[in-house]
Amino acid sequence: MNSRERILGRVRRALADVPADERSYEEAVPRHYLREHGERTTKETIDLLAENLTDYRAVVHRTDAEELPLLIMRLLAERGSQEVMVPPGLPPSWMAAADPVRIHDRAALTPDRIDRVGSVVTGCAVAIAETGTLVLDGSPDQGRRRITLVPDHHICVVGVPDQVVASVPQALERLDPTRPLTWISGPSATSDIELERVEGVHGPRALEVILLG
C-alpha cells in the first residue's frame, strides 16, 4: 500500500458514519467576489491584455491569419534560432514560412536536448486581460509543459477575441482543473535578497505574444 492509498483509506474510514447525502462536495459555494473589475468593450479588454503583458516585459504583436506565418518567420530570424520546438497539434500554416529546423516533442528528448533548441511556438488555452496572464493546458497546440519551460524564447499565439477573458474567475470557468495548467505572466523572472531582477532562471528569458485577430 502506497502513501496515497493510506491517506484515502483514512478519509474513507473517517466518513464511514456520515450519511451519503452529507458527503457531497458539489454543493454550491457562495461566490460574492467580483467576476470582472469594471465594464469594458471587447476592444478595451484586448488592449488591457496587451498593456499588462507589456508591463510584464513580454513583447506583444498583432496580426491576422494571412500575415501570421511571415511574422513568426521574422521573429525566429531576429532571434537567430536554428531550431524551433513545435507541439504536435500546432497548425501547420503557422510555421509555413519559417526556416529553422522543427523539433517535435518526443518522450525520448532529454532536458539538455530541449535546452539547445532556440525557440518554441505554441498556442494557448486562455489569456487573462486583468493580470496579463497566459494559461496553457497541454492541449495539442501547446504541448507538454517542459517544452515551454526549457527553451529560452517562447512565442505564444492568442486567438482574439475568443481566447481572451477579463478576469481570473472567468478563466477558471473555461479551464479543466484536471489538465496540467501552466500560468505565464511575462518571461521567467526572480529576484534575490537585494531585489535584483534576473530573467530566465526557471523558464524562457524572452516571451513574445501574438494577438491573432
N, C-alpha and C. Protein backbone atom coordinates (compact mmCIF):
# COMPACT_ATOMS: atom_id res chain seq x y z
N MET A 1 0.85 -1.19 0.00
CA MET A 1 0.00 0.00 0.00
C MET A 1 0.89 1.24 0.00
N ASN A 2 0.63 2.16 -0.96
CA ASN A 2 1.44 3.38 -1.01
C ASN A 2 0.80 4.48 -0.18
N SER A 3 1.48 5.64 -0.13
CA SER A 3 1.02 6.74 0.71
C SER A 3 -0.36 7.24 0.30
N ARG A 4 -0.59 7.31 -1.00
CA ARG A 4 -1.89 7.79 -1.48
C ARG A 4 -3.02 6.89 -0.99
N GLU A 5 -2.82 5.59 -1.12
CA GLU A 5 -3.86 4.65 -0.69
C GLU A 5 -4.10 4.72 0.81
N ARG A 6 -3.02 4.91 1.59
CA ARG A 6 -3.18 5.03 3.04
C ARG A 6 -4.01 6.26 3.40
N ILE A 7 -3.70 7.38 2.75
CA ILE A 7 -4.42 8.63 3.05
C ILE A 7 -5.89 8.50 2.66
N LEU A 8 -6.16 7.98 1.47
CA LEU A 8 -7.55 7.81 1.04
C LEU A 8 -8.29 6.83 1.95
N GLY A 9 -7.58 5.80 2.43
CA GLY A 9 -8.20 4.86 3.36
C GLY A 9 -8.63 5.54 4.65
N ARG A 10 -7.79 6.43 5.15
CA ARG A 10 -8.14 7.17 6.37
C ARG A 10 -9.36 8.06 6.14
N VAL A 11 -9.41 8.69 4.97
CA VAL A 11 -10.56 9.55 4.67
C VAL A 11 -11.84 8.73 4.61
N ARG A 12 -11.77 7.56 3.97
CA ARG A 12 -12.97 6.72 3.87
C ARG A 12 -13.43 6.26 5.24
N ARG A 13 -12.47 5.90 6.09
CA ARG A 13 -12.85 5.44 7.43
C ARG A 13 -13.46 6.59 8.24
N ALA A 14 -12.92 7.79 8.06
CA ALA A 14 -13.46 8.94 8.79
C ALA A 14 -14.86 9.29 8.34
N LEU A 15 -15.19 8.97 7.09
CA LEU A 15 -16.52 9.30 6.55
C LEU A 15 -17.50 8.13 6.65
N ALA A 16 -17.06 7.03 7.23
CA ALA A 16 -17.89 5.82 7.23
C ALA A 16 -19.24 6.03 7.89
N ASP A 17 -19.30 6.85 8.95
CA ASP A 17 -20.56 7.04 9.66
C ASP A 17 -21.29 8.31 9.25
N VAL A 18 -20.86 8.95 8.16
CA VAL A 18 -21.52 10.15 7.66
C VAL A 18 -22.50 9.76 6.57
N PRO A 19 -23.76 10.15 6.67
CA PRO A 19 -24.74 9.82 5.63
C PRO A 19 -24.26 10.25 4.25
N ALA A 20 -24.57 9.44 3.25
CA ALA A 20 -24.06 9.70 1.90
C ALA A 20 -24.44 11.07 1.39
N ASP A 21 -25.68 11.53 1.72
CA ASP A 21 -26.10 12.81 1.18
C ASP A 21 -25.39 13.99 1.83
N GLU A 22 -24.62 13.73 2.87
CA GLU A 22 -23.87 14.81 3.52
C GLU A 22 -22.40 14.82 3.09
N ARG A 23 -22.04 13.87 2.23
CA ARG A 23 -20.64 13.79 1.80
C ARG A 23 -20.37 14.58 0.53
N SER A 24 -21.40 15.14 -0.07
CA SER A 24 -21.25 15.79 -1.36
C SER A 24 -20.34 17.00 -1.25
N TYR A 25 -19.42 17.10 -2.21
CA TYR A 25 -18.54 18.25 -2.30
C TYR A 25 -18.97 19.17 -3.44
N GLU A 26 -20.16 18.92 -3.97
CA GLU A 26 -20.61 19.66 -5.14
C GLU A 26 -21.67 20.70 -4.79
N GLU A 27 -21.89 20.93 -3.50
CA GLU A 27 -22.86 21.95 -3.13
C GLU A 27 -22.35 23.32 -3.60
N ALA A 28 -23.30 24.16 -3.98
CA ALA A 28 -22.94 25.48 -4.47
C ALA A 28 -22.23 26.29 -3.39
N VAL A 29 -21.11 26.86 -3.74
CA VAL A 29 -20.35 27.70 -2.81
C VAL A 29 -20.65 29.15 -3.13
N PRO A 30 -21.05 29.95 -2.15
CA PRO A 30 -21.32 31.36 -2.43
C PRO A 30 -20.07 32.04 -2.97
N ARG A 31 -20.21 32.71 -4.08
CA ARG A 31 -19.07 33.42 -4.69
C ARG A 31 -19.49 34.87 -4.91
N HIS A 32 -19.22 35.68 -3.89
CA HIS A 32 -19.67 37.06 -3.91
C HIS A 32 -18.61 38.02 -4.44
N TYR A 33 -17.45 37.49 -4.82
CA TYR A 33 -16.41 38.38 -5.32
C TYR A 33 -16.75 38.85 -6.74
N LEU A 34 -16.10 39.92 -7.15
CA LEU A 34 -16.33 40.45 -8.49
C LEU A 34 -15.80 39.48 -9.54
N ARG A 35 -16.55 39.25 -10.58
CA ARG A 35 -16.08 38.42 -11.68
C ARG A 35 -15.29 39.25 -12.69
N GLU A 36 -15.41 40.55 -12.61
CA GLU A 36 -14.71 41.44 -13.51
C GLU A 36 -14.66 42.81 -12.86
N HIS A 37 -13.52 43.49 -12.99
CA HIS A 37 -13.36 44.80 -12.36
C HIS A 37 -13.71 45.89 -13.37
N GLY A 38 -14.96 46.27 -13.39
CA GLY A 38 -15.42 47.30 -14.33
C GLY A 38 -15.91 46.69 -15.63
N GLU A 39 -16.66 47.48 -16.37
CA GLU A 39 -17.19 47.03 -17.66
C GLU A 39 -16.30 47.55 -18.79
N ARG A 40 -16.03 46.68 -19.76
CA ARG A 40 -15.18 47.05 -20.89
C ARG A 40 -15.76 46.49 -22.17
N THR A 41 -15.47 47.15 -23.25
CA THR A 41 -15.79 46.58 -24.56
C THR A 41 -14.77 45.48 -24.86
N THR A 42 -15.04 44.70 -25.88
CA THR A 42 -14.09 43.66 -26.28
C THR A 42 -12.74 44.26 -26.64
N LYS A 43 -12.76 45.35 -27.36
CA LYS A 43 -11.51 46.00 -27.75
C LYS A 43 -10.74 46.48 -26.52
N GLU A 44 -11.45 47.05 -25.57
CA GLU A 44 -10.79 47.53 -24.36
C GLU A 44 -10.17 46.38 -23.57
N THR A 45 -10.84 45.23 -23.56
CA THR A 45 -10.30 44.06 -22.86
C THR A 45 -9.02 43.57 -23.52
N ILE A 46 -9.03 43.53 -24.84
CA ILE A 46 -7.83 43.09 -25.58
C ILE A 46 -6.69 44.10 -25.39
N ASP A 47 -7.02 45.39 -25.42
CA ASP A 47 -5.99 46.41 -25.20
C ASP A 47 -5.40 46.30 -23.79
N LEU A 48 -6.25 45.99 -22.81
CA LEU A 48 -5.76 45.82 -21.44
C LEU A 48 -4.82 44.62 -21.35
N LEU A 49 -5.17 43.54 -22.03
CA LEU A 49 -4.28 42.37 -22.07
C LEU A 49 -2.91 42.77 -22.63
N ALA A 50 -2.91 43.47 -23.76
CA ALA A 50 -1.65 43.87 -24.37
C ALA A 50 -0.85 44.78 -23.44
N GLU A 51 -1.54 45.69 -22.76
CA GLU A 51 -0.86 46.60 -21.84
C GLU A 51 -0.22 45.85 -20.68
N ASN A 52 -0.94 44.92 -20.08
CA ASN A 52 -0.41 44.20 -18.93
C ASN A 52 0.68 43.20 -19.33
N LEU A 53 0.56 42.59 -20.50
CA LEU A 53 1.64 41.74 -20.99
C LEU A 53 2.92 42.54 -21.16
N THR A 54 2.78 43.72 -21.74
CA THR A 54 3.95 44.58 -21.93
C THR A 54 4.54 45.01 -20.60
N ASP A 55 3.67 45.29 -19.62
CA ASP A 55 4.14 45.69 -18.30
C ASP A 55 4.98 44.58 -17.66
N TYR A 56 4.67 43.32 -18.01
CA TYR A 56 5.44 42.18 -17.51
C TYR A 56 6.67 41.89 -18.37
N ARG A 57 6.96 42.77 -19.31
CA ARG A 57 8.13 42.66 -20.18
C ARG A 57 8.00 41.60 -21.26
N ALA A 58 6.77 41.23 -21.59
CA ALA A 58 6.55 40.45 -22.80
C ALA A 58 6.49 41.42 -23.98
N VAL A 59 6.79 40.91 -25.17
CA VAL A 59 6.69 41.73 -26.39
C VAL A 59 5.41 41.31 -27.11
N VAL A 60 4.55 42.27 -27.40
CA VAL A 60 3.24 41.97 -27.96
C VAL A 60 3.19 42.39 -29.43
N HIS A 61 2.65 41.49 -30.26
CA HIS A 61 2.46 41.76 -31.69
C HIS A 61 0.99 41.51 -32.03
N ARG A 62 0.50 42.19 -33.03
CA ARG A 62 -0.87 41.97 -33.50
C ARG A 62 -0.82 41.68 -34.99
N THR A 63 -1.58 40.67 -35.40
CA THR A 63 -1.58 40.30 -36.81
C THR A 63 -2.85 39.54 -37.14
N ASP A 64 -2.98 39.16 -38.43
CA ASP A 64 -4.12 38.34 -38.85
C ASP A 64 -3.59 37.01 -39.38
N ALA A 65 -4.50 36.13 -39.75
CA ALA A 65 -4.11 34.78 -40.15
C ALA A 65 -3.21 34.79 -41.38
N GLU A 66 -3.43 35.72 -42.29
CA GLU A 66 -2.63 35.76 -43.52
C GLU A 66 -1.18 36.15 -43.24
N GLU A 67 -0.99 37.08 -42.32
CA GLU A 67 0.35 37.57 -42.03
C GLU A 67 1.07 36.79 -40.94
N LEU A 68 0.34 35.92 -40.22
CA LEU A 68 0.95 35.21 -39.09
C LEU A 68 2.20 34.43 -39.47
N PRO A 69 2.18 33.60 -40.53
CA PRO A 69 3.41 32.83 -40.86
C PRO A 69 4.62 33.72 -41.10
N LEU A 70 4.42 34.87 -41.74
CA LEU A 70 5.53 35.79 -42.01
C LEU A 70 6.04 36.43 -40.72
N LEU A 71 5.11 36.73 -39.81
CA LEU A 71 5.53 37.32 -38.53
C LEU A 71 6.34 36.31 -37.73
N ILE A 72 5.87 35.07 -37.65
CA ILE A 72 6.63 34.05 -36.91
C ILE A 72 8.00 33.85 -37.54
N MET A 73 8.06 33.82 -38.87
CA MET A 73 9.36 33.70 -39.56
C MET A 73 10.29 34.84 -39.16
N ARG A 74 9.76 36.06 -39.13
CA ARG A 74 10.59 37.22 -38.79
C ARG A 74 11.07 37.16 -37.35
N LEU A 75 10.20 36.78 -36.42
CA LEU A 75 10.59 36.73 -35.02
C LEU A 75 11.67 35.67 -34.78
N LEU A 76 11.55 34.53 -35.44
CA LEU A 76 12.57 33.48 -35.30
C LEU A 76 13.89 33.92 -35.91
N ALA A 77 13.81 34.62 -37.05
CA ALA A 77 15.04 35.10 -37.70
C ALA A 77 15.73 36.15 -36.83
N GLU A 78 14.95 37.05 -36.24
CA GLU A 78 15.54 38.09 -35.38
C GLU A 78 16.20 37.47 -34.15
N ARG A 79 15.64 36.37 -33.70
CA ARG A 79 16.21 35.68 -32.54
C ARG A 79 17.43 34.86 -32.91
N GLY A 80 17.56 34.54 -34.19
CA GLY A 80 18.69 33.72 -34.65
C GLY A 80 18.53 32.26 -34.31
N SER A 81 17.31 31.79 -34.17
CA SER A 81 17.06 30.40 -33.79
C SER A 81 17.30 29.47 -34.98
N GLN A 82 18.16 28.49 -34.76
CA GLN A 82 18.41 27.48 -35.79
C GLN A 82 17.41 26.33 -35.70
N GLU A 83 16.85 26.13 -34.52
CA GLU A 83 15.86 25.08 -34.31
C GLU A 83 14.68 25.66 -33.53
N VAL A 84 13.49 25.15 -33.80
CA VAL A 84 12.31 25.61 -33.10
C VAL A 84 11.50 24.39 -32.65
N MET A 85 11.08 24.40 -31.39
CA MET A 85 10.27 23.32 -30.85
C MET A 85 8.81 23.58 -31.21
N VAL A 86 8.13 22.54 -31.72
CA VAL A 86 6.72 22.68 -32.07
C VAL A 86 5.92 21.56 -31.42
N PRO A 87 4.80 21.89 -30.78
CA PRO A 87 3.93 20.85 -30.22
C PRO A 87 3.24 20.08 -31.35
N PRO A 88 2.73 18.88 -31.07
CA PRO A 88 2.22 18.02 -32.13
C PRO A 88 1.01 18.57 -32.85
N GLY A 89 0.19 19.40 -32.18
CA GLY A 89 -1.02 19.89 -32.81
C GLY A 89 -0.96 21.33 -33.26
N LEU A 90 0.24 21.88 -33.39
CA LEU A 90 0.36 23.25 -33.87
C LEU A 90 -0.12 23.32 -35.32
N PRO A 91 -1.00 24.27 -35.65
CA PRO A 91 -1.47 24.37 -37.04
C PRO A 91 -0.29 24.51 -38.01
N PRO A 92 -0.19 23.65 -39.00
CA PRO A 92 0.96 23.69 -39.93
C PRO A 92 1.13 25.04 -40.60
N SER A 93 0.04 25.74 -40.86
CA SER A 93 0.13 27.03 -41.57
C SER A 93 0.92 28.06 -40.77
N TRP A 94 0.94 27.94 -39.44
CA TRP A 94 1.66 28.93 -38.64
C TRP A 94 3.16 28.92 -38.96
N MET A 95 3.68 27.74 -39.27
CA MET A 95 5.12 27.60 -39.49
C MET A 95 5.47 27.50 -40.97
N ALA A 96 4.52 27.82 -41.83
CA ALA A 96 4.71 27.59 -43.27
C ALA A 96 5.87 28.38 -43.85
N ALA A 97 6.17 29.55 -43.29
CA ALA A 97 7.24 30.38 -43.85
C ALA A 97 8.53 30.30 -43.05
N ALA A 98 8.53 29.56 -41.96
CA ALA A 98 9.69 29.56 -41.06
C ALA A 98 10.82 28.69 -41.59
N ASP A 99 12.05 29.15 -41.39
CA ASP A 99 13.23 28.44 -41.89
C ASP A 99 13.86 27.47 -40.89
N PRO A 100 13.83 27.73 -39.57
CA PRO A 100 14.54 26.85 -38.63
C PRO A 100 14.06 25.40 -38.69
N VAL A 101 14.95 24.50 -38.31
CA VAL A 101 14.60 23.08 -38.22
C VAL A 101 13.56 22.90 -37.13
N ARG A 102 12.52 22.14 -37.42
CA ARG A 102 11.46 21.93 -36.44
C ARG A 102 11.76 20.68 -35.62
N ILE A 103 11.75 20.85 -34.31
CA ILE A 103 11.98 19.76 -33.38
C ILE A 103 10.64 19.42 -32.73
N HIS A 104 10.18 18.20 -32.93
CA HIS A 104 8.90 17.77 -32.38
C HIS A 104 9.13 17.13 -31.01
N ASP A 105 8.26 17.47 -30.08
CA ASP A 105 8.41 16.96 -28.72
C ASP A 105 8.18 15.46 -28.68
N ARG A 106 9.16 14.75 -28.18
CA ARG A 106 9.06 13.29 -28.00
C ARG A 106 9.57 12.94 -26.61
N ALA A 107 9.04 11.86 -26.08
CA ALA A 107 9.42 11.46 -24.73
C ALA A 107 10.92 11.22 -24.61
N ALA A 108 11.56 10.81 -25.71
CA ALA A 108 12.98 10.49 -25.66
C ALA A 108 13.87 11.72 -25.57
N LEU A 109 13.33 12.89 -25.86
CA LEU A 109 14.13 14.11 -25.80
C LEU A 109 14.50 14.43 -24.36
N THR A 110 15.78 14.66 -24.12
CA THR A 110 16.25 14.99 -22.76
C THR A 110 16.12 16.50 -22.53
N PRO A 111 16.08 16.92 -21.27
CA PRO A 111 16.07 18.37 -20.99
C PRO A 111 17.25 19.10 -21.62
N ASP A 112 18.42 18.44 -21.65
CA ASP A 112 19.60 19.07 -22.26
C ASP A 112 19.38 19.30 -23.75
N ARG A 113 18.73 18.34 -24.41
CA ARG A 113 18.48 18.50 -25.85
C ARG A 113 17.47 19.62 -26.09
N ILE A 114 16.44 19.67 -25.27
CA ILE A 114 15.44 20.73 -25.43
C ILE A 114 16.07 22.09 -25.15
N ASP A 115 17.02 22.14 -24.22
CA ASP A 115 17.67 23.39 -23.86
C ASP A 115 18.48 23.95 -25.03
N ARG A 116 18.89 23.09 -25.95
CA ARG A 116 19.66 23.56 -27.10
C ARG A 116 18.77 24.09 -28.21
N VAL A 117 17.45 23.95 -28.07
CA VAL A 117 16.51 24.50 -29.05
C VAL A 117 16.34 25.99 -28.80
N GLY A 118 16.41 26.78 -29.85
CA GLY A 118 16.40 28.23 -29.67
C GLY A 118 15.06 28.80 -29.27
N SER A 119 13.97 28.28 -29.84
CA SER A 119 12.66 28.87 -29.61
C SER A 119 11.59 27.78 -29.56
N VAL A 120 10.43 28.16 -29.02
CA VAL A 120 9.26 27.29 -29.06
C VAL A 120 8.07 28.14 -29.47
N VAL A 121 7.18 27.58 -30.29
CA VAL A 121 5.97 28.26 -30.73
C VAL A 121 4.77 27.45 -30.27
N THR A 122 3.83 28.09 -29.58
CA THR A 122 2.64 27.39 -29.09
C THR A 122 1.40 28.26 -29.25
N GLY A 123 0.25 27.61 -29.09
CA GLY A 123 -0.99 28.34 -28.88
C GLY A 123 -1.20 28.50 -27.39
N CYS A 124 -2.42 28.82 -26.97
CA CYS A 124 -2.74 28.91 -25.55
C CYS A 124 -4.18 28.48 -25.33
N ALA A 125 -4.53 28.27 -24.06
CA ALA A 125 -5.90 27.89 -23.71
C ALA A 125 -6.75 29.13 -23.48
N VAL A 126 -6.21 30.10 -22.77
CA VAL A 126 -6.93 31.33 -22.46
C VAL A 126 -5.92 32.39 -22.04
N ALA A 127 -6.29 33.66 -22.25
CA ALA A 127 -5.44 34.78 -21.83
C ALA A 127 -6.29 35.70 -20.97
N ILE A 128 -5.72 36.18 -19.85
CA ILE A 128 -6.46 36.96 -18.86
C ILE A 128 -5.99 38.42 -18.92
N ALA A 129 -6.91 39.31 -19.28
CA ALA A 129 -6.55 40.69 -19.51
C ALA A 129 -6.13 41.41 -18.23
N GLU A 130 -6.89 41.22 -17.14
CA GLU A 130 -6.63 42.00 -15.92
C GLU A 130 -5.29 41.66 -15.28
N THR A 131 -4.76 40.49 -15.53
CA THR A 131 -3.48 40.10 -14.92
C THR A 131 -2.37 39.93 -15.94
N GLY A 132 -2.67 40.05 -17.22
CA GLY A 132 -1.64 39.85 -18.24
C GLY A 132 -1.08 38.44 -18.22
N THR A 133 -1.98 37.46 -18.06
CA THR A 133 -1.55 36.07 -17.88
C THR A 133 -2.00 35.19 -19.04
N LEU A 134 -1.10 34.33 -19.49
CA LEU A 134 -1.43 33.29 -20.46
C LEU A 134 -1.55 31.97 -19.72
N VAL A 135 -2.55 31.18 -20.07
CA VAL A 135 -2.71 29.87 -19.45
C VAL A 135 -2.62 28.81 -20.54
N LEU A 136 -1.72 27.85 -20.34
CA LEU A 136 -1.58 26.70 -21.23
C LEU A 136 -2.10 25.47 -20.51
N ASP A 137 -2.77 24.57 -21.23
CA ASP A 137 -3.35 23.40 -20.57
C ASP A 137 -2.90 22.07 -21.17
N GLY A 138 -1.82 22.10 -21.95
CA GLY A 138 -1.30 20.86 -22.50
C GLY A 138 -2.06 20.35 -23.71
N SER A 139 -2.94 21.16 -24.29
CA SER A 139 -3.66 20.75 -25.50
C SER A 139 -2.66 20.55 -26.64
N PRO A 140 -3.10 19.88 -27.73
CA PRO A 140 -2.15 19.56 -28.81
C PRO A 140 -1.41 20.75 -29.40
N ASP A 141 -2.03 21.94 -29.41
CA ASP A 141 -1.33 23.10 -29.97
C ASP A 141 -0.40 23.77 -28.96
N GLN A 142 -0.35 23.21 -27.74
CA GLN A 142 0.50 23.78 -26.69
C GLN A 142 1.58 22.81 -26.22
N GLY A 143 1.31 21.53 -26.32
CA GLY A 143 2.31 20.53 -25.97
C GLY A 143 2.51 20.37 -24.48
N ARG A 144 3.48 19.55 -24.14
CA ARG A 144 3.77 19.30 -22.73
C ARG A 144 4.45 20.50 -22.09
N ARG A 145 4.29 20.61 -20.78
CA ARG A 145 4.78 21.78 -20.05
C ARG A 145 6.27 22.02 -20.29
N ARG A 146 7.05 20.96 -20.39
CA ARG A 146 8.50 21.14 -20.44
C ARG A 146 8.97 21.90 -21.68
N ILE A 147 8.21 21.82 -22.78
CA ILE A 147 8.69 22.49 -23.99
C ILE A 147 8.52 24.00 -23.92
N THR A 148 7.72 24.50 -22.95
CA THR A 148 7.59 25.94 -22.79
C THR A 148 8.37 26.46 -21.60
N LEU A 149 9.00 25.58 -20.85
CA LEU A 149 9.77 26.00 -19.68
C LEU A 149 11.28 25.92 -19.90
N VAL A 150 11.72 25.14 -20.88
CA VAL A 150 13.16 24.95 -21.07
C VAL A 150 13.75 25.88 -22.14
N PRO A 151 13.20 25.95 -23.36
CA PRO A 151 13.78 26.86 -24.36
C PRO A 151 13.78 28.31 -23.88
N ASP A 152 14.73 29.09 -24.37
CA ASP A 152 14.95 30.45 -23.88
C ASP A 152 13.98 31.46 -24.49
N HIS A 153 13.27 31.09 -25.55
CA HIS A 153 12.43 32.04 -26.29
C HIS A 153 11.10 31.37 -26.59
N HIS A 154 10.01 31.98 -26.11
CA HIS A 154 8.67 31.41 -26.29
C HIS A 154 7.82 32.39 -27.09
N ILE A 155 7.28 31.90 -28.22
CA ILE A 155 6.30 32.65 -28.99
C ILE A 155 4.94 32.00 -28.74
N CYS A 156 4.00 32.77 -28.19
CA CYS A 156 2.68 32.24 -27.87
C CYS A 156 1.62 32.98 -28.68
N VAL A 157 0.79 32.23 -29.39
CA VAL A 157 -0.25 32.82 -30.24
C VAL A 157 -1.57 32.76 -29.50
N VAL A 158 -2.23 33.92 -29.38
CA VAL A 158 -3.51 34.03 -28.68
C VAL A 158 -4.58 34.44 -29.68
N GLY A 159 -5.63 33.64 -29.81
CA GLY A 159 -6.73 34.00 -30.69
C GLY A 159 -7.60 35.06 -30.06
N VAL A 160 -7.79 36.18 -30.75
CA VAL A 160 -8.65 37.25 -30.21
C VAL A 160 -9.84 37.45 -31.14
N PRO A 161 -11.01 37.65 -30.53
CA PRO A 161 -11.25 37.80 -29.09
C PRO A 161 -11.58 36.49 -28.36
N ASP A 162 -11.67 35.37 -29.08
CA ASP A 162 -12.25 34.15 -28.50
C ASP A 162 -11.49 33.62 -27.29
N GLN A 163 -10.15 33.75 -27.26
CA GLN A 163 -9.37 33.19 -26.17
C GLN A 163 -9.06 34.20 -25.07
N VAL A 164 -9.61 35.38 -25.15
CA VAL A 164 -9.32 36.43 -24.17
C VAL A 164 -10.51 36.61 -23.23
N VAL A 165 -10.22 36.59 -21.93
CA VAL A 165 -11.22 36.90 -20.92
C VAL A 165 -10.70 38.05 -20.06
N ALA A 166 -11.61 38.65 -19.30
CA ALA A 166 -11.21 39.80 -18.49
C ALA A 166 -10.48 39.40 -17.23
N SER A 167 -10.97 38.34 -16.54
CA SER A 167 -10.52 38.10 -15.17
C SER A 167 -10.18 36.63 -14.92
N VAL A 168 -9.55 36.40 -13.79
CA VAL A 168 -9.21 35.04 -13.37
C VAL A 168 -10.46 34.19 -13.16
N PRO A 169 -11.52 34.67 -12.48
CA PRO A 169 -12.72 33.85 -12.34
C PRO A 169 -13.30 33.41 -13.69
N GLN A 170 -13.29 34.30 -14.68
CA GLN A 170 -13.79 33.94 -16.00
C GLN A 170 -12.91 32.89 -16.66
N ALA A 171 -11.61 32.98 -16.43
CA ALA A 171 -10.69 31.98 -16.98
C ALA A 171 -10.93 30.61 -16.36
N LEU A 172 -11.11 30.58 -15.04
CA LEU A 172 -11.31 29.31 -14.34
C LEU A 172 -12.57 28.60 -14.82
N GLU A 173 -13.57 29.36 -15.22
CA GLU A 173 -14.79 28.75 -15.73
C GLU A 173 -14.55 28.01 -17.03
N ARG A 174 -13.53 28.42 -17.77
CA ARG A 174 -13.23 27.80 -19.07
C ARG A 174 -12.27 26.62 -18.95
N LEU A 175 -11.50 26.60 -17.89
CA LEU A 175 -10.40 25.64 -17.79
C LEU A 175 -10.84 24.35 -17.11
N ASP A 176 -10.20 23.26 -17.53
CA ASP A 176 -10.42 21.95 -16.92
C ASP A 176 -9.37 21.76 -15.82
N PRO A 177 -9.78 21.71 -14.54
CA PRO A 177 -8.81 21.62 -13.45
C PRO A 177 -8.02 20.33 -13.43
N THR A 178 -8.45 19.33 -14.20
CA THR A 178 -7.70 18.06 -14.23
C THR A 178 -6.55 18.10 -15.22
N ARG A 179 -6.46 19.16 -16.02
CA ARG A 179 -5.39 19.25 -17.01
C ARG A 179 -4.16 19.93 -16.39
N PRO A 180 -2.97 19.74 -16.99
CA PRO A 180 -1.74 20.35 -16.44
C PRO A 180 -1.67 21.83 -16.81
N LEU A 181 -2.16 22.69 -15.96
CA LEU A 181 -2.24 24.11 -16.27
C LEU A 181 -0.93 24.83 -15.96
N THR A 182 -0.48 25.63 -16.91
CA THR A 182 0.71 26.46 -16.73
C THR A 182 0.29 27.92 -16.88
N TRP A 183 0.52 28.71 -15.84
CA TRP A 183 0.12 30.12 -15.84
C TRP A 183 1.36 30.97 -16.07
N ILE A 184 1.34 31.79 -17.10
CA ILE A 184 2.51 32.55 -17.51
C ILE A 184 2.20 34.03 -17.50
N SER A 185 2.91 34.77 -16.67
CA SER A 185 2.78 36.23 -16.65
C SER A 185 4.15 36.83 -16.96
N GLY A 186 4.44 36.99 -18.22
CA GLY A 186 5.71 37.54 -18.66
C GLY A 186 6.82 36.50 -18.69
N PRO A 187 8.02 36.90 -19.09
CA PRO A 187 9.16 35.99 -19.09
C PRO A 187 9.46 35.50 -17.68
N SER A 188 10.18 34.39 -17.59
CA SER A 188 10.61 33.89 -16.29
C SER A 188 11.44 34.95 -15.59
N ALA A 189 11.12 35.21 -14.32
CA ALA A 189 11.87 36.23 -13.58
C ALA A 189 11.87 35.91 -12.09
N THR A 190 12.93 36.30 -11.43
CA THR A 190 13.02 36.15 -9.97
C THR A 190 13.90 37.28 -9.44
N SER A 191 13.89 37.45 -8.13
CA SER A 191 14.73 38.49 -7.51
C SER A 191 15.47 37.89 -6.32
N ASP A 192 16.68 38.35 -6.10
CA ASP A 192 17.43 37.88 -4.94
C ASP A 192 17.11 38.74 -3.73
N ILE A 193 17.84 38.56 -2.64
CA ILE A 193 17.54 39.26 -1.40
C ILE A 193 17.70 40.77 -1.55
N GLU A 194 18.48 41.20 -2.53
CA GLU A 194 18.67 42.62 -2.77
C GLU A 194 17.72 43.15 -3.84
N LEU A 195 16.74 42.30 -4.23
CA LEU A 195 15.71 42.67 -5.20
C LEU A 195 16.28 42.95 -6.58
N GLU A 196 17.38 42.30 -6.90
CA GLU A 196 17.93 42.39 -8.25
C GLU A 196 17.17 41.41 -9.13
N ARG A 197 16.48 41.92 -10.15
CA ARG A 197 15.67 41.08 -11.03
C ARG A 197 16.57 40.31 -12.00
N VAL A 198 16.32 39.02 -12.09
CA VAL A 198 17.05 38.15 -13.01
C VAL A 198 16.03 37.39 -13.84
N GLU A 199 16.18 37.41 -15.15
CA GLU A 199 15.23 36.73 -16.03
C GLU A 199 15.84 35.47 -16.62
N GLY A 200 15.02 34.46 -16.81
CA GLY A 200 15.45 33.23 -17.46
C GLY A 200 15.98 32.16 -16.54
N VAL A 201 15.80 32.31 -15.23
CA VAL A 201 16.33 31.32 -14.29
C VAL A 201 15.55 30.02 -14.36
N HIS A 202 14.24 30.11 -14.43
CA HIS A 202 13.43 28.90 -14.42
C HIS A 202 12.39 28.91 -15.54
N GLY A 203 12.77 29.41 -16.68
CA GLY A 203 11.87 29.44 -17.83
C GLY A 203 12.42 30.37 -18.90
N PRO A 204 11.64 30.62 -19.94
CA PRO A 204 12.12 31.46 -21.05
C PRO A 204 12.52 32.87 -20.61
N ARG A 205 13.63 33.33 -21.14
CA ARG A 205 14.10 34.68 -20.85
C ARG A 205 13.32 35.70 -21.69
N ALA A 206 12.78 35.24 -22.82
CA ALA A 206 12.04 36.15 -23.72
C ALA A 206 10.69 35.53 -24.06
N LEU A 207 9.62 36.33 -23.89
CA LEU A 207 8.27 35.91 -24.22
C LEU A 207 7.70 36.89 -25.24
N GLU A 208 7.28 36.36 -26.38
CA GLU A 208 6.63 37.18 -27.40
C GLU A 208 5.21 36.63 -27.59
N VAL A 209 4.24 37.53 -27.53
CA VAL A 209 2.84 37.15 -27.62
C VAL A 209 2.25 37.74 -28.89
N ILE A 210 1.64 36.88 -29.70
CA ILE A 210 1.00 37.33 -30.93
C ILE A 210 -0.51 37.29 -30.72
N LEU A 211 -1.15 38.45 -30.82
CA LEU A 211 -2.60 38.53 -30.73
C LEU A 211 -3.14 38.34 -32.15
N LEU A 212 -3.73 37.19 -32.38
CA LEU A 212 -4.16 36.80 -33.72
C LEU A 212 -5.63 37.13 -33.90
N GLY A 213 -5.93 38.14 -34.74
CA GLY A 213 -7.31 38.54 -34.94
C GLY A 213 -7.77 38.22 -36.34
